[in-house]
N, C-alpha and C. Protein backbone atom coordinates (compact mmCIF):
# COMPACT_ATOMS: atom_id res chain seq x y z
N MET A 1 44.97 35.80 -68.49
CA MET A 1 46.29 36.12 -67.97
C MET A 1 46.16 36.60 -66.53
N ILE A 2 47.08 36.17 -65.71
CA ILE A 2 47.07 36.53 -64.30
C ILE A 2 47.66 37.93 -64.13
N ASN A 3 46.99 38.74 -63.35
CA ASN A 3 47.49 40.07 -63.02
C ASN A 3 48.35 39.93 -61.77
N ASN A 4 49.66 39.65 -61.98
CA ASN A 4 50.56 39.42 -60.85
C ASN A 4 50.61 40.63 -59.94
N LYS A 5 50.51 40.38 -58.65
CA LYS A 5 50.57 41.44 -57.65
C LYS A 5 51.97 41.47 -57.04
N THR A 6 52.51 42.66 -56.93
CA THR A 6 53.87 42.84 -56.43
C THR A 6 53.86 43.15 -54.93
N TYR A 7 55.06 43.18 -54.37
CA TYR A 7 55.24 43.59 -52.97
C TYR A 7 54.67 44.99 -52.77
N ASN A 8 54.94 45.90 -53.72
CA ASN A 8 54.38 47.26 -53.63
C ASN A 8 52.85 47.22 -53.57
N ASN A 9 52.24 46.38 -54.41
CA ASN A 9 50.78 46.27 -54.38
C ASN A 9 50.28 45.81 -53.01
N ALA A 10 50.95 44.82 -52.43
CA ALA A 10 50.53 44.29 -51.13
C ALA A 10 50.67 45.35 -50.03
N ILE A 11 51.82 46.01 -49.98
CA ILE A 11 52.05 47.07 -48.97
C ILE A 11 51.04 48.20 -49.15
N ASN A 12 50.86 48.65 -50.40
CA ASN A 12 49.94 49.77 -50.64
C ASN A 12 48.50 49.40 -50.30
N THR A 13 48.11 48.15 -50.52
CA THR A 13 46.77 47.71 -50.13
C THR A 13 46.60 47.80 -48.62
N LEU A 14 47.58 47.30 -47.87
CA LEU A 14 47.50 47.38 -46.41
C LEU A 14 47.48 48.83 -45.94
N LYS A 15 48.34 49.67 -46.54
CA LYS A 15 48.35 51.09 -46.17
C LYS A 15 46.99 51.73 -46.45
N ASN A 16 46.42 51.41 -47.61
CA ASN A 16 45.11 51.99 -47.96
C ASN A 16 44.03 51.57 -46.97
N LEU A 17 44.05 50.30 -46.55
CA LEU A 17 43.06 49.85 -45.57
C LEU A 17 43.22 50.62 -44.26
N GLY A 18 44.46 50.88 -43.86
CA GLY A 18 44.69 51.67 -42.65
C GLY A 18 44.25 53.11 -42.82
N ARG A 19 44.52 53.68 -43.98
CA ARG A 19 44.17 55.09 -44.21
C ARG A 19 42.67 55.33 -44.25
N ILE A 20 41.90 54.36 -44.77
CA ILE A 20 40.45 54.57 -44.87
C ILE A 20 39.73 54.28 -43.55
N HIS A 21 40.42 53.60 -42.62
CA HIS A 21 39.78 53.32 -41.33
C HIS A 21 39.75 54.60 -40.51
N LYS A 22 38.59 54.99 -40.07
CA LYS A 22 38.42 56.28 -39.38
C LYS A 22 39.03 56.34 -37.99
N GLN A 23 39.45 55.20 -37.44
CA GLN A 23 40.05 55.21 -36.10
C GLN A 23 41.57 55.11 -36.14
N ILE A 24 42.16 55.09 -37.33
CA ILE A 24 43.62 55.07 -37.48
C ILE A 24 44.05 56.44 -37.99
N THR A 25 44.98 57.06 -37.30
CA THR A 25 45.45 58.39 -37.68
C THR A 25 46.70 58.33 -38.55
N THR A 26 47.63 57.44 -38.20
CA THR A 26 48.91 57.35 -38.91
C THR A 26 49.15 55.91 -39.33
N VAL A 27 49.68 55.74 -40.56
CA VAL A 27 50.06 54.42 -41.07
C VAL A 27 51.53 54.50 -41.47
N SER A 28 52.32 53.52 -41.00
CA SER A 28 53.73 53.48 -41.36
C SER A 28 54.10 52.05 -41.73
N THR A 29 55.27 51.89 -42.35
CA THR A 29 55.73 50.58 -42.75
C THR A 29 57.23 50.48 -42.59
N GLY A 30 57.72 49.27 -42.43
CA GLY A 30 59.14 49.03 -42.29
C GLY A 30 59.42 48.09 -41.15
N ASP A 31 60.69 47.97 -40.82
CA ASP A 31 61.12 47.13 -39.72
C ASP A 31 60.47 47.60 -38.42
N ILE A 32 60.32 46.69 -37.49
CA ILE A 32 59.70 47.02 -36.20
C ILE A 32 60.44 48.18 -35.52
N TYR A 33 61.75 48.27 -35.75
CA TYR A 33 62.53 49.35 -35.14
C TYR A 33 62.31 50.69 -35.84
N ASP A 34 61.57 50.68 -36.97
CA ASP A 34 61.25 51.92 -37.68
C ASP A 34 60.00 52.60 -37.13
N ILE A 35 59.31 51.94 -36.20
CA ILE A 35 58.11 52.56 -35.62
C ILE A 35 58.52 53.84 -34.91
N ASP A 36 57.88 54.93 -35.27
CA ASP A 36 58.19 56.22 -34.67
C ASP A 36 57.42 56.33 -33.36
N LEU A 37 58.13 56.20 -32.26
CA LEU A 37 57.50 56.22 -30.95
C LEU A 37 57.58 57.57 -30.26
N SER A 38 58.01 58.58 -31.01
CA SER A 38 58.14 59.91 -30.41
C SER A 38 56.76 60.48 -30.11
N LYS A 39 56.78 61.51 -29.31
CA LYS A 39 55.51 62.13 -28.95
C LYS A 39 54.95 62.98 -30.09
N ASN A 40 55.69 63.07 -31.22
CA ASN A 40 55.22 63.83 -32.37
C ASN A 40 54.31 63.02 -33.27
N THR A 41 54.31 61.70 -33.12
CA THR A 41 53.46 60.84 -33.94
C THR A 41 52.01 61.03 -33.54
N LEU A 42 51.15 61.07 -34.54
CA LEU A 42 49.72 61.15 -34.27
C LEU A 42 49.19 59.73 -34.10
N PHE A 43 48.60 59.45 -32.96
CA PHE A 43 48.06 58.14 -32.66
C PHE A 43 46.56 58.17 -32.77
N PRO A 44 45.92 57.04 -33.00
CA PRO A 44 46.38 55.67 -33.11
C PRO A 44 47.23 55.44 -34.35
N LEU A 45 48.19 54.52 -34.21
CA LEU A 45 49.16 54.21 -35.25
C LEU A 45 48.99 52.77 -35.70
N MET A 46 49.01 52.57 -37.02
CA MET A 46 49.07 51.23 -37.61
C MET A 46 50.43 51.12 -38.27
N HIS A 47 51.20 50.09 -37.89
CA HIS A 47 52.52 49.89 -38.48
C HIS A 47 52.56 48.52 -39.15
N ILE A 48 53.07 48.48 -40.38
CA ILE A 48 53.17 47.26 -41.18
C ILE A 48 54.62 46.81 -41.19
N ASN A 49 54.89 45.63 -40.63
CA ASN A 49 56.24 45.08 -40.57
C ASN A 49 56.33 43.87 -41.50
N PRO A 50 57.07 43.96 -42.63
CA PRO A 50 57.20 42.81 -43.52
C PRO A 50 57.98 41.68 -42.83
N ILE A 51 57.51 40.45 -42.98
CA ILE A 51 58.18 39.30 -42.39
C ILE A 51 58.91 38.51 -43.46
N ASN A 52 58.17 37.98 -44.45
CA ASN A 52 58.76 37.22 -45.54
C ASN A 52 57.73 37.03 -46.65
N VAL A 53 58.18 36.39 -47.74
CA VAL A 53 57.29 36.05 -48.84
C VAL A 53 57.51 34.57 -49.15
N ASP A 54 56.43 33.80 -49.17
CA ASP A 54 56.48 32.40 -49.54
C ASP A 54 56.04 32.27 -50.99
N ALA A 55 56.78 31.48 -51.79
CA ALA A 55 56.42 31.25 -53.18
C ALA A 55 55.94 29.82 -53.34
N GLY A 56 54.74 29.66 -53.88
CA GLY A 56 54.19 28.34 -54.18
C GLY A 56 54.21 28.12 -55.67
N GLU A 57 53.55 27.06 -56.11
CA GLU A 57 53.56 26.72 -57.53
C GLU A 57 52.93 27.81 -58.39
N SER A 58 51.86 28.43 -57.90
CA SER A 58 51.18 29.46 -58.69
C SER A 58 50.72 30.63 -57.83
N PHE A 59 51.42 30.85 -56.72
CA PHE A 59 51.02 31.95 -55.84
C PHE A 59 52.23 32.48 -55.09
N LEU A 60 52.05 33.69 -54.58
CA LEU A 60 52.96 34.29 -53.62
C LEU A 60 52.15 34.57 -52.37
N LYS A 61 52.76 34.36 -51.22
CA LYS A 61 52.10 34.67 -49.96
C LYS A 61 52.98 35.67 -49.22
N TYR A 62 52.48 36.91 -49.12
CA TYR A 62 53.18 38.00 -48.44
C TYR A 62 52.79 37.95 -46.96
N ASN A 63 53.78 37.85 -46.08
CA ASN A 63 53.52 37.75 -44.65
C ASN A 63 53.96 39.03 -43.94
N PHE A 64 53.07 39.58 -43.15
CA PHE A 64 53.31 40.83 -42.44
C PHE A 64 52.86 40.72 -40.99
N GLN A 65 53.51 41.50 -40.13
CA GLN A 65 53.00 41.75 -38.79
C GLN A 65 52.35 43.13 -38.85
N ILE A 66 51.17 43.23 -38.28
CA ILE A 66 50.46 44.51 -38.22
C ILE A 66 50.36 44.91 -36.75
N PHE A 67 50.82 46.11 -36.45
CA PHE A 67 50.73 46.67 -35.10
C PHE A 67 49.67 47.77 -35.13
N VAL A 68 48.76 47.75 -34.19
CA VAL A 68 47.79 48.83 -34.00
C VAL A 68 47.93 49.26 -32.56
N MET A 69 48.28 50.55 -32.35
CA MET A 69 48.59 51.01 -31.00
C MET A 69 48.12 52.44 -30.78
N ASP A 70 47.98 52.78 -29.50
CA ASP A 70 47.58 54.12 -29.13
C ASP A 70 48.23 54.47 -27.79
N LEU A 71 48.22 55.75 -27.48
CA LEU A 71 48.75 56.23 -26.21
C LEU A 71 47.80 55.88 -25.07
N VAL A 72 48.37 55.62 -23.92
CA VAL A 72 47.60 55.37 -22.72
C VAL A 72 47.79 56.57 -21.80
N SER A 73 46.69 57.02 -21.25
CA SER A 73 46.76 58.13 -20.29
C SER A 73 46.97 57.57 -18.90
N GLN A 74 47.89 58.16 -18.17
CA GLN A 74 48.13 57.76 -16.78
C GLN A 74 47.16 58.50 -15.87
N ASP A 75 46.99 57.99 -14.69
CA ASP A 75 46.01 58.57 -13.77
C ASP A 75 46.32 60.03 -13.42
N ALA A 76 47.56 60.45 -13.50
CA ALA A 76 47.91 61.84 -13.19
C ALA A 76 47.28 62.80 -14.19
N ASN A 77 46.96 62.31 -15.39
CA ASN A 77 46.37 63.16 -16.43
C ASN A 77 44.85 63.10 -16.43
N TRP A 78 44.28 62.33 -15.54
CA TRP A 78 42.85 62.09 -15.59
C TRP A 78 42.08 63.02 -14.66
N LYS A 79 40.85 63.25 -15.04
CA LYS A 79 39.88 63.94 -14.18
C LYS A 79 38.93 62.88 -13.64
N ALA A 80 38.25 63.18 -12.61
CA ALA A 80 37.36 62.19 -11.99
C ALA A 80 36.34 61.65 -12.98
N THR A 81 35.96 62.44 -13.97
CA THR A 81 34.95 61.99 -14.93
C THR A 81 35.53 61.08 -16.00
N ASN A 82 36.84 60.91 -16.08
CA ASN A 82 37.46 60.10 -17.13
C ASN A 82 37.71 58.65 -16.74
N PHE A 83 37.63 58.31 -15.48
CA PHE A 83 38.01 56.96 -15.07
C PHE A 83 37.21 55.93 -15.83
N GLN A 84 37.94 54.99 -16.48
CA GLN A 84 37.25 53.96 -17.25
C GLN A 84 37.70 52.56 -16.88
N SER A 85 38.91 52.38 -16.41
CA SER A 85 39.37 51.03 -16.09
C SER A 85 38.95 50.64 -14.68
N ALA A 86 38.92 49.35 -14.44
CA ALA A 86 38.49 48.85 -13.14
C ALA A 86 39.45 49.25 -12.03
N THR A 87 40.73 49.42 -12.37
CA THR A 87 41.72 49.77 -11.35
C THR A 87 41.92 51.27 -11.21
N PHE A 88 41.32 52.04 -12.08
CA PHE A 88 41.43 53.49 -12.07
C PHE A 88 42.87 53.99 -12.21
N LEU A 89 43.74 53.17 -12.80
CA LEU A 89 45.13 53.59 -12.98
C LEU A 89 45.36 54.22 -14.35
N SER A 90 44.64 53.79 -15.34
CA SER A 90 44.80 54.34 -16.68
C SER A 90 43.62 53.91 -17.54
N ASN A 91 43.66 54.32 -18.79
CA ASN A 91 42.63 53.90 -19.73
C ASN A 91 43.13 52.76 -20.61
N GLU A 92 44.08 51.98 -20.11
CA GLU A 92 44.68 50.90 -20.89
C GLU A 92 43.64 49.89 -21.38
N GLN A 93 42.71 49.51 -20.54
CA GLN A 93 41.68 48.54 -20.93
C GLN A 93 40.85 49.09 -22.09
N GLU A 94 40.49 50.35 -22.02
CA GLU A 94 39.70 50.97 -23.08
C GLU A 94 40.49 51.04 -24.39
N VAL A 95 41.78 51.40 -24.31
CA VAL A 95 42.63 51.47 -25.50
C VAL A 95 42.78 50.09 -26.12
N LEU A 96 42.99 49.06 -25.28
CA LEU A 96 43.09 47.70 -25.81
C LEU A 96 41.79 47.27 -26.49
N SER A 97 40.68 47.59 -25.88
CA SER A 97 39.39 47.21 -26.45
C SER A 97 39.16 47.88 -27.81
N THR A 98 39.42 49.17 -27.87
CA THR A 98 39.22 49.91 -29.13
C THR A 98 40.16 49.42 -30.22
N ASN A 99 41.44 49.22 -29.87
CA ASN A 99 42.41 48.78 -30.87
C ASN A 99 42.16 47.35 -31.34
N LEU A 100 41.65 46.49 -30.47
CA LEU A 100 41.31 45.14 -30.90
C LEU A 100 40.21 45.19 -31.95
N GLN A 101 39.23 46.06 -31.76
CA GLN A 101 38.16 46.17 -32.75
C GLN A 101 38.71 46.67 -34.08
N VAL A 102 39.67 47.59 -34.05
CA VAL A 102 40.31 48.07 -35.28
C VAL A 102 41.01 46.91 -35.98
N CYS A 103 41.72 46.09 -35.23
CA CYS A 103 42.41 44.92 -35.81
C CYS A 103 41.40 43.97 -36.46
N ILE A 104 40.30 43.72 -35.77
CA ILE A 104 39.26 42.84 -36.31
C ILE A 104 38.69 43.44 -37.59
N ASP A 105 38.51 44.76 -37.62
CA ASP A 105 38.01 45.43 -38.83
C ASP A 105 38.97 45.22 -40.00
N LEU A 106 40.27 45.35 -39.75
CA LEU A 106 41.27 45.17 -40.82
C LEU A 106 41.24 43.76 -41.37
N VAL A 107 41.16 42.77 -40.49
CA VAL A 107 41.09 41.38 -40.94
C VAL A 107 39.80 41.16 -41.72
N ALA A 108 38.70 41.73 -41.25
CA ALA A 108 37.42 41.59 -41.95
C ALA A 108 37.50 42.16 -43.37
N MET A 109 38.15 43.31 -43.52
CA MET A 109 38.28 43.90 -44.86
C MET A 109 39.14 43.03 -45.77
N LEU A 110 40.11 42.33 -45.19
CA LEU A 110 40.97 41.47 -46.00
C LEU A 110 40.33 40.12 -46.33
N THR A 111 39.39 39.67 -45.53
CA THR A 111 38.76 38.39 -45.79
C THR A 111 37.46 38.54 -46.57
N ASN A 112 37.05 39.76 -46.82
CA ASN A 112 35.80 40.02 -47.53
C ASN A 112 36.12 40.81 -48.79
N ALA A 113 36.19 40.14 -49.92
CA ALA A 113 36.58 40.78 -51.18
C ALA A 113 35.65 41.93 -51.56
N SER A 114 34.36 41.82 -51.22
CA SER A 114 33.45 42.90 -51.60
C SER A 114 33.78 44.19 -50.87
N ALA A 115 34.29 44.09 -49.64
CA ALA A 115 34.69 45.30 -48.91
C ALA A 115 35.86 45.97 -49.62
N GLN A 116 36.79 45.19 -50.13
CA GLN A 116 37.92 45.77 -50.86
C GLN A 116 37.43 46.48 -52.11
N SER A 117 36.51 45.85 -52.82
CA SER A 117 36.00 46.45 -54.05
C SER A 117 35.25 47.75 -53.76
N GLU A 118 34.40 47.75 -52.73
CA GLU A 118 33.62 48.93 -52.40
C GLU A 118 34.50 50.10 -52.01
N GLN A 119 35.64 49.83 -51.40
CA GLN A 119 36.53 50.89 -50.95
C GLN A 119 37.51 51.31 -52.05
N GLY A 120 37.42 50.72 -53.24
CA GLY A 120 38.30 51.11 -54.33
C GLY A 120 39.69 50.51 -54.22
N VAL A 121 39.88 49.55 -53.32
CA VAL A 121 41.18 48.92 -53.17
C VAL A 121 41.44 47.99 -54.34
N ASN A 122 40.42 47.35 -54.82
CA ASN A 122 40.55 46.41 -55.93
C ASN A 122 39.19 46.20 -56.56
N ASP A 123 39.17 45.61 -57.73
CA ASP A 123 37.94 45.29 -58.44
C ASP A 123 37.54 43.89 -58.05
N ILE A 124 36.25 43.66 -57.80
CA ILE A 124 35.77 42.36 -57.35
C ILE A 124 36.08 41.26 -58.36
N ASN A 125 36.21 41.60 -59.66
CA ASN A 125 36.48 40.60 -60.69
C ASN A 125 37.97 40.37 -60.93
N MET A 126 38.81 41.14 -60.28
CA MET A 126 40.26 40.99 -60.42
C MET A 126 40.79 40.21 -59.22
N PRO A 127 42.03 39.70 -59.33
CA PRO A 127 42.60 39.03 -58.16
C PRO A 127 42.65 39.99 -56.98
N VAL A 128 42.18 39.54 -55.86
CA VAL A 128 42.16 40.38 -54.67
C VAL A 128 43.00 39.72 -53.58
N TYR A 129 43.22 40.45 -52.52
CA TYR A 129 44.05 39.98 -51.42
C TYR A 129 43.18 39.36 -50.36
N PHE A 130 43.58 38.19 -49.90
CA PHE A 130 42.84 37.52 -48.85
C PHE A 130 43.79 37.16 -47.72
N ASP A 131 43.31 37.33 -46.52
CA ASP A 131 44.04 36.82 -45.36
C ASP A 131 43.78 35.32 -45.35
N VAL A 132 44.85 34.51 -45.39
CA VAL A 132 44.67 33.08 -45.60
C VAL A 132 44.86 32.25 -44.33
N ALA A 133 44.95 32.87 -43.20
CA ALA A 133 45.19 32.10 -41.98
C ALA A 133 44.24 32.55 -40.88
N THR A 134 44.11 31.70 -39.88
CA THR A 134 43.40 32.10 -38.67
C THR A 134 44.27 33.14 -37.97
N THR A 135 43.67 34.19 -37.53
CA THR A 135 44.43 35.30 -36.96
C THR A 135 44.42 35.23 -35.44
N SER A 136 45.59 35.44 -34.87
CA SER A 136 45.74 35.50 -33.42
C SER A 136 46.24 36.90 -33.07
N PHE A 137 45.54 37.57 -32.18
CA PHE A 137 45.90 38.93 -31.78
C PHE A 137 46.63 38.89 -30.45
N GLU A 138 47.80 39.52 -30.38
CA GLU A 138 48.60 39.50 -29.16
C GLU A 138 48.71 40.92 -28.58
N PRO A 139 48.28 41.12 -27.33
CA PRO A 139 48.35 42.46 -26.74
C PRO A 139 49.78 42.80 -26.32
N PHE A 140 50.08 44.08 -26.30
CA PHE A 140 51.37 44.53 -25.79
C PHE A 140 51.21 45.89 -25.15
N THR A 141 52.08 46.18 -24.20
CA THR A 141 52.18 47.50 -23.59
C THR A 141 53.66 47.81 -23.49
N GLU A 142 54.07 48.95 -24.01
CA GLU A 142 55.48 49.34 -24.02
C GLU A 142 55.64 50.70 -23.37
N ARG A 143 56.69 50.84 -22.61
CA ARG A 143 57.01 52.11 -21.96
C ARG A 143 58.24 52.69 -22.65
N PHE A 144 58.04 53.74 -23.41
CA PHE A 144 59.13 54.46 -24.07
C PHE A 144 59.08 55.88 -23.53
N ASP A 145 59.20 56.86 -24.41
CA ASP A 145 59.00 58.25 -23.98
C ASP A 145 57.53 58.46 -23.62
N ASN A 146 56.69 57.56 -24.11
CA ASN A 146 55.27 57.60 -23.82
C ASN A 146 54.82 56.17 -23.54
N LEU A 147 53.63 56.00 -23.05
CA LEU A 147 53.10 54.68 -22.75
C LEU A 147 52.15 54.29 -23.88
N LEU A 148 52.50 53.20 -24.57
CA LEU A 148 51.70 52.73 -25.69
C LEU A 148 51.14 51.35 -25.37
N THR A 149 49.95 51.10 -25.86
CA THR A 149 49.39 49.76 -25.77
C THR A 149 48.64 49.48 -27.05
N GLY A 150 48.53 48.22 -27.36
CA GLY A 150 47.84 47.83 -28.58
C GLY A 150 47.94 46.35 -28.83
N TRP A 151 47.81 46.00 -30.11
CA TRP A 151 47.79 44.61 -30.52
C TRP A 151 48.70 44.42 -31.72
N VAL A 152 49.25 43.24 -31.84
CA VAL A 152 50.02 42.85 -33.01
C VAL A 152 49.43 41.54 -33.52
N PHE A 153 49.34 41.42 -34.84
CA PHE A 153 48.85 40.18 -35.44
C PHE A 153 49.53 39.98 -36.77
N GLN A 154 49.50 38.74 -37.24
CA GLN A 154 50.13 38.43 -38.51
C GLN A 154 49.07 38.30 -39.59
N VAL A 155 49.38 38.85 -40.75
CA VAL A 155 48.51 38.77 -41.92
C VAL A 155 49.31 38.09 -43.03
N SER A 156 48.68 37.13 -43.68
CA SER A 156 49.29 36.47 -44.84
C SER A 156 48.40 36.74 -46.04
N LEU A 157 48.92 37.50 -46.99
CA LEU A 157 48.15 37.83 -48.19
C LEU A 157 48.59 36.92 -49.32
N GLU A 158 47.68 36.09 -49.79
CA GLU A 158 48.00 35.18 -50.88
C GLU A 158 47.46 35.75 -52.18
N VAL A 159 48.34 35.81 -53.19
CA VAL A 159 47.96 36.32 -54.50
C VAL A 159 48.45 35.34 -55.56
N MET A 160 47.73 35.30 -56.67
CA MET A 160 48.14 34.44 -57.78
C MET A 160 49.40 35.00 -58.41
N ASN A 161 50.25 34.10 -58.91
CA ASN A 161 51.43 34.50 -59.65
C ASN A 161 51.75 33.40 -60.64
N ASP A 162 51.93 33.77 -61.92
CA ASP A 162 52.19 32.76 -62.95
C ASP A 162 53.68 32.55 -63.21
N PHE A 163 54.54 33.27 -62.48
CA PHE A 163 55.98 33.12 -62.64
C PHE A 163 56.38 33.13 -64.12
N GLN A 164 55.91 34.15 -64.82
CA GLN A 164 56.18 34.32 -66.25
C GLN A 164 57.67 34.46 -66.49
N SER A 165 58.22 33.64 -67.37
CA SER A 165 59.65 33.70 -67.66
C SER A 165 59.97 34.29 -69.02
N CYS A 166 58.96 34.70 -69.78
CA CYS A 166 59.19 35.23 -71.12
C CYS A 166 59.78 36.65 -71.11
N ASN A 167 59.50 37.43 -70.10
CA ASN A 167 59.91 38.83 -70.10
C ASN A 167 60.94 39.17 -69.03
N ILE A 168 61.76 38.20 -68.66
CA ILE A 168 62.79 38.45 -67.65
C ILE A 168 63.91 39.27 -68.30
N PRO A 169 64.34 40.36 -67.68
CA PRO A 169 65.37 41.22 -68.29
C PRO A 169 66.77 40.61 -68.15
N ILE A 170 67.09 39.68 -69.04
CA ILE A 170 68.42 39.06 -69.06
C ILE A 170 68.98 39.12 -70.47
N GLU A 171 70.30 38.98 -70.61
CA GLU A 171 70.92 39.04 -71.92
C GLU A 171 70.65 37.77 -72.72
N THR A 172 70.99 36.63 -72.19
CA THR A 172 70.74 35.35 -72.86
C THR A 172 70.28 34.35 -71.81
N TYR A 173 69.57 33.34 -72.28
CA TYR A 173 69.10 32.30 -71.37
C TYR A 173 69.15 30.98 -72.11
N ASN A 174 70.04 30.11 -71.69
CA ASN A 174 70.15 28.81 -72.31
C ASN A 174 69.34 27.76 -71.56
N GLY A 175 68.90 28.08 -70.38
CA GLY A 175 68.10 27.15 -69.60
C GLY A 175 68.91 26.01 -69.01
N GLN A 176 70.19 26.18 -68.99
CA GLN A 176 71.03 25.10 -68.44
C GLN A 176 72.16 25.68 -67.64
N GLY A 177 72.67 24.91 -66.75
CA GLY A 177 73.81 25.33 -65.96
C GLY A 177 75.11 25.05 -66.70
N GLU A 178 76.19 25.36 -66.09
CA GLU A 178 77.50 25.12 -66.71
C GLU A 178 78.16 23.90 -66.12
């Protein structure tokens, strides 16, 4: 029997991967406009934005955008010993480099079932979540109350689903239209 995975299972798996990564401080989920950009948020931030769910003959594919971002320090906040970028204007290059590696780590955990099992996300013998597409990472820099930079990428988690119709909570089912 297939252990059908729900939307909650998919979201919680992504949240767990973010929580166990030592370079991510905060994990959030929801619409892109739900990202808390206030200065009260602890960064680096991983945000999970649901896109859609595709249903195939025996699978569901949950599609998400994942944002990994951090604050950028402006040159006014820097000391001479902190300069890291070639232009000496900010640490944007360093933040992009670090966050890209975090994104790569997340994709690696999703494409390697043994990593999921070792971290307690799932059992190696049970259906696990796999990223099913080639991943493209897109950089962004946004100026809000603070200056944020990071990467966004899409993850597609494909899970088995048997579309069981025996236990649907309905009153009657004739299997025909009117």
